[in-house]
Protein backbone atom coordinates (compact mmCIF):
# COMPACT_ATOMS: atom_id res chain seq x y z
CA UNK A 1 -11.85 -113.93 -66.24
CA UNK A 2 -14.85 -113.76 -68.57
CA UNK A 3 -18.30 -114.84 -67.43
CA UNK A 4 -21.58 -115.50 -69.20
CA UNK A 5 -23.37 -112.15 -69.39
CA UNK A 6 -26.09 -113.02 -71.89
CA UNK A 7 -29.86 -113.25 -71.37
CA UNK A 8 -30.61 -115.24 -68.23
CA UNK A 9 -34.25 -116.03 -69.06
CA UNK A 10 -33.22 -117.66 -72.32
CA UNK A 11 -30.83 -119.95 -70.45
CA UNK A 12 -33.44 -120.73 -67.82
CA UNK A 13 -35.93 -121.69 -70.56
CA UNK A 14 -33.32 -123.94 -72.16
CA UNK A 15 -33.00 -125.95 -68.95
CA UNK A 16 -36.66 -125.68 -67.99
CA UNK A 17 -35.83 -124.21 -64.56
CA UNK A 18 -35.34 -120.73 -63.11
CA UNK A 19 -31.65 -121.40 -62.42
CA UNK A 20 -30.90 -117.70 -61.85
CA UNK A 21 -33.63 -117.18 -59.26
CA UNK A 22 -37.21 -115.87 -59.46
CA UNK A 23 -37.97 -114.80 -63.03
CA UNK A 24 -41.36 -113.48 -64.13
CA UNK A 25 -40.46 -113.78 -67.81
CA UNK A 26 -39.56 -117.44 -67.33
CA UNK A 27 -42.83 -118.13 -65.52
CA UNK A 28 -44.74 -116.80 -68.55
CA UNK A 29 -42.77 -118.94 -71.04
CA UNK A 30 -41.40 -122.13 -69.51
CA UNK A 31 -40.96 -123.86 -72.85
CA UNK A 32 -37.52 -123.95 -74.60
CA UNK A 33 -36.55 -120.90 -76.68
CA UNK A 34 -36.96 -120.96 -80.45
CA UNK A 35 -39.14 -119.45 -83.15
CA UNK A 36 -41.54 -122.42 -83.19
CA UNK A 37 -42.31 -122.25 -79.47
CA UNK A 38 -44.24 -125.18 -78.08
CA UNK A 39 -45.46 -126.30 -81.51
CA UNK A 40 -42.18 -127.87 -82.60
CA UNK A 41 -41.76 -131.59 -81.99
CA UNK A 42 -38.47 -132.19 -80.24
CA UNK A 43 -36.50 -135.37 -80.72
CA UNK A 44 -35.71 -137.55 -77.75
CA UNK A 45 -32.27 -136.68 -76.39
CA UNK A 46 -29.43 -139.18 -76.40
CA UNK A 47 -27.69 -140.21 -73.18
CA UNK A 48 -24.76 -137.96 -74.06
CA UNK A 49 -27.08 -135.00 -74.66
CA UNK A 50 -28.74 -135.52 -71.28
CA UNK A 51 -25.35 -135.72 -69.55
CA UNK A 52 -24.06 -132.63 -71.31
CA UNK A 53 -27.26 -130.71 -70.53
CA UNK A 54 -26.94 -131.54 -66.83
CA UNK A 55 -23.32 -130.39 -66.74
CA UNK A 56 -24.21 -127.16 -68.52
CA UNK A 57 -27.08 -126.55 -66.10
CA UNK A 58 -24.78 -126.93 -63.09
CA UNK A 59 -22.15 -124.74 -64.72
CA UNK A 60 -24.54 -121.88 -65.46
CA UNK A 61 -26.34 -122.21 -62.13
CA UNK A 62 -23.16 -121.67 -60.14
CA UNK A 63 -21.52 -119.32 -62.65
CA UNK A 64 -18.41 -121.30 -63.63
CA UNK A 65 -16.52 -121.52 -66.89
CA UNK A 66 -15.72 -124.87 -68.49
CA UNK A 67 -12.12 -125.11 -67.28
CA UNK A 68 -13.07 -124.13 -63.74
CA UNK A 69 -15.84 -126.71 -63.66
CA UNK A 70 -13.62 -129.48 -65.02
CA UNK A 71 -10.87 -128.71 -62.49
CA UNK A 72 -13.40 -128.72 -59.67
CA UNK A 73 -14.66 -132.10 -60.85
CA UNK A 74 -11.10 -133.46 -60.85
CA UNK A 75 -10.67 -132.25 -57.27
CA UNK A 76 -13.96 -133.89 -56.28
CA UNK A 77 -12.96 -137.15 -57.95
CA UNK A 78 -9.74 -137.26 -55.94
CA UNK A 79 -11.58 -136.97 -52.60
CA UNK A 80 -13.12 -139.75 -50.56
CA UNK A 81 -16.87 -140.11 -50.88
CA UNK A 82 -19.39 -140.03 -53.71
CA UNK A 83 -17.86 -137.90 -56.47
CA UNK A 84 -21.13 -136.26 -57.54
CA UNK A 85 -22.03 -135.28 -53.98
CA UNK A 86 -18.52 -133.95 -53.28
CA UNK A 87 -18.74 -131.87 -56.47
CA UNK A 88 -21.96 -130.22 -55.32
CA UNK A 89 -20.47 -129.66 -51.86
CA UNK A 90 -17.52 -127.87 -53.47
CA UNK A 91 -19.88 -125.73 -55.54
CA UNK A 92 -21.88 -124.83 -52.45
CA UNK A 93 -18.71 -123.97 -50.52
CA UNK A 94 -17.60 -121.34 -53.04
CA UNK A 95 -17.37 -117.87 -51.50
CA UNK A 96 -19.76 -116.24 -53.98
CA UNK A 97 -22.36 -118.96 -53.47
CA UNK A 98 -22.05 -118.67 -49.68
CA UNK A 99 -22.56 -114.90 -49.86
CA UNK A 100 -25.71 -115.61 -51.89
CA UNK A 101 -26.96 -118.29 -49.46
CA UNK A 102 -26.38 -115.95 -46.51
CA UNK A 103 -28.76 -113.48 -48.13
CA UNK A 104 -26.21 -110.73 -48.68
CA UNK A 105 -27.07 -110.64 -52.38
CA UNK A 106 -30.28 -111.49 -54.29
CA UNK A 107 -28.51 -113.62 -56.91
CA UNK A 108 -25.19 -115.43 -57.37
CA UNK A 109 -24.23 -112.86 -60.00
CA UNK A 110 -24.75 -110.06 -57.48
CA UNK A 111 -22.84 -112.03 -54.84
CA UNK A 112 -19.93 -112.46 -57.22
CA UNK A 113 -19.90 -108.72 -57.83
CA UNK A 114 -19.83 -107.98 -54.09
CA UNK A 115 -16.78 -110.22 -53.74
CA UNK A 116 -14.89 -108.88 -56.75
CA UNK A 117 -15.58 -105.29 -55.68
CA UNK A 118 -13.97 -105.99 -52.30
CA UNK A 119 -16.98 -105.72 -50.02
CA UNK A 120 -16.56 -109.16 -48.42
CA UNK A 121 -14.18 -110.45 -45.73
CA UNK A 122 -13.23 -114.10 -45.28
CA UNK A 123 -12.00 -114.81 -41.76
CA UNK A 124 -11.44 -111.08 -41.34
CA UNK A 125 -9.32 -110.76 -44.48
CA UNK A 126 -10.47 -108.81 -47.52
CA UNK A 127 -11.02 -111.36 -50.29
CA UNK A 128 -11.93 -110.67 -53.91
CA UNK A 129 -11.79 -114.25 -55.24
CA UNK A 130 -15.34 -115.56 -55.78
CA UNK A 131 -14.09 -119.12 -56.38
CA UNK A 132 -12.39 -119.39 -52.98
CA UNK A 133 -13.55 -122.63 -51.35
CA UNK A 134 -14.64 -122.40 -47.73
CA UNK A 135 -13.85 -124.94 -45.06
CA UNK A 136 -15.90 -125.73 -41.93
CA UNK A 137 -15.40 -122.93 -39.41
CA UNK A 138 -14.71 -120.18 -41.97
CA UNK A 139 -16.45 -116.87 -41.30
CA UNK A 140 -17.85 -114.59 -44.02
CA UNK A 141 -18.59 -110.98 -43.14
CA UNK A 142 -19.15 -107.58 -44.74
CA UNK A 143 -16.45 -104.97 -44.85
CA UNK A 144 -17.25 -102.26 -42.26
CA UNK A 145 -17.57 -99.40 -44.72
CA UNK A 146 -19.75 -101.55 -46.99
CA UNK A 147 -22.25 -102.74 -44.34
CA UNK A 148 -24.61 -99.81 -44.90
CA UNK A 149 -24.75 -100.13 -48.67
CA UNK A 150 -28.34 -100.01 -49.86
CA UNK A 151 -28.00 -103.11 -52.05
CA UNK A 152 -26.79 -105.18 -49.09
CA UNK A 153 -29.39 -103.83 -46.67
CA UNK A 154 -32.18 -104.48 -49.15
CA UNK A 155 -30.95 -108.03 -49.78
CA UNK A 156 -30.76 -108.80 -46.05
CA UNK A 157 -34.28 -107.45 -45.46
CA UNK A 158 -35.89 -109.24 -48.40
CA UNK A 159 -34.14 -112.62 -48.17
CA UNK A 160 -35.80 -115.45 -46.21
CA UNK A 161 -34.09 -116.59 -43.02
CA UNK A 162 -30.71 -118.22 -43.61
CA UNK A 163 -31.58 -120.71 -40.88
CA UNK A 164 -33.10 -122.95 -43.57
CA UNK A 165 -29.56 -123.78 -44.70
CA UNK A 166 -28.36 -126.31 -42.13
CA UNK A 167 -24.70 -125.80 -43.00
CA UNK A 168 -24.71 -122.04 -42.39
CA UNK A 169 -25.11 -119.85 -39.32
CA UNK A 170 -25.92 -116.13 -39.49
CA UNK A 171 -25.26 -113.51 -36.80
CA UNK A 172 -27.41 -110.48 -37.61
CA UNK A 173 -25.78 -108.31 -34.96
CA UNK A 174 -22.27 -108.83 -36.30
CA UNK A 175 -23.50 -109.15 -39.90
CA UNK A 176 -21.43 -112.27 -40.39
CA UNK A 177 -22.06 -115.88 -41.27
CA UNK A 178 -20.22 -119.09 -40.46
CA UNK A 179 -19.75 -122.04 -42.78
CA UNK A 180 -20.44 -124.88 -40.34
CA UNK A 181 -19.99 -127.95 -42.51
CA UNK A 182 -20.27 -129.28 -46.02
CA UNK A 183 -23.98 -129.70 -46.80
CA UNK A 184 -25.62 -133.09 -47.13
CA UNK A 185 -26.95 -133.79 -50.63
CA UNK A 186 -30.56 -133.80 -49.40
CA UNK A 187 -30.09 -130.23 -48.11
CA UNK A 188 -28.88 -128.80 -51.41
CA UNK A 189 -31.99 -127.50 -53.20
CA UNK A 190 -30.61 -127.34 -56.74
CA UNK A 191 -32.31 -129.81 -59.10
CA UNK A 192 -29.14 -131.25 -60.57
CA UNK A 193 -28.58 -134.90 -61.40
CA UNK A 194 -24.92 -135.06 -60.45
CA UNK A 195 -24.63 -138.71 -61.49
CA UNK A 196 -25.09 -137.69 -65.14
CA UNK A 197 -22.17 -135.26 -64.77
CA UNK A 198 -20.00 -138.02 -63.32
CA UNK A 199 -20.93 -140.28 -66.23
CA UNK A 200 -20.07 -137.54 -68.73
CA UNK A 201 -16.58 -136.95 -67.34
CA UNK A 202 -15.94 -140.66 -66.87
CA UNK A 203 -16.03 -141.38 -70.59
C-alpha cells in the first residue's frame, strides 16, 4: 500500500512541529512553507480547519493513510473509554511504532521498513505487517540473522533508554521488548489534540 514519500521537512513546517524526529532543516525554518515566508499574514483558521489539521498531523506522524486512520478511529469509538485516548493508544500499539519506541530504528519510517523487509518477530513469529496492533504481553524481537545489521546496531546504540516509555520493557541481552500495557495519555509524548479529531469525525 502506498505511503507518503515526499519531503518530510515541508510537512513538519506545515504543522509547526518536527513530527518525523530531529530535523536540522526544520529548526532553521520553523515557519510554514510558502514563497512569502514569515512576511505573509495568515488568516485565522476555522474550527473545521483546526480539526482537519490535527487529524492530518496525527496521520502523518504515525504514517497512516486516510482509510487506515478512519478505520482505526471507528475501532476506537467502539471501545469503552475516552475515544481520543483509545485512538492514540491504538496508534502507539502499532508494530512499526513499537519498533521505533524500542529504539530499533531511528524513525517510524525506518521501523516500518524493518517490519516490511521481514527483520522483526512478533511473539516469535516473522511478521511483515507494520499495522499489526499489539496487546499487553506481546513480545517484539529481531530476527536472528538480522540482529547484527549495522542499521539496527547503530539505532540501539544511539537511541536513549527505552525505560522512559512506561508501557515498554527492553531486554538488551535477548534483544527483545515487551509491550506491557496500553500507555496512559500523559505518557504519550506526541503533541496531538485528539479531542479535535473526535470532533471532526463526529460531524
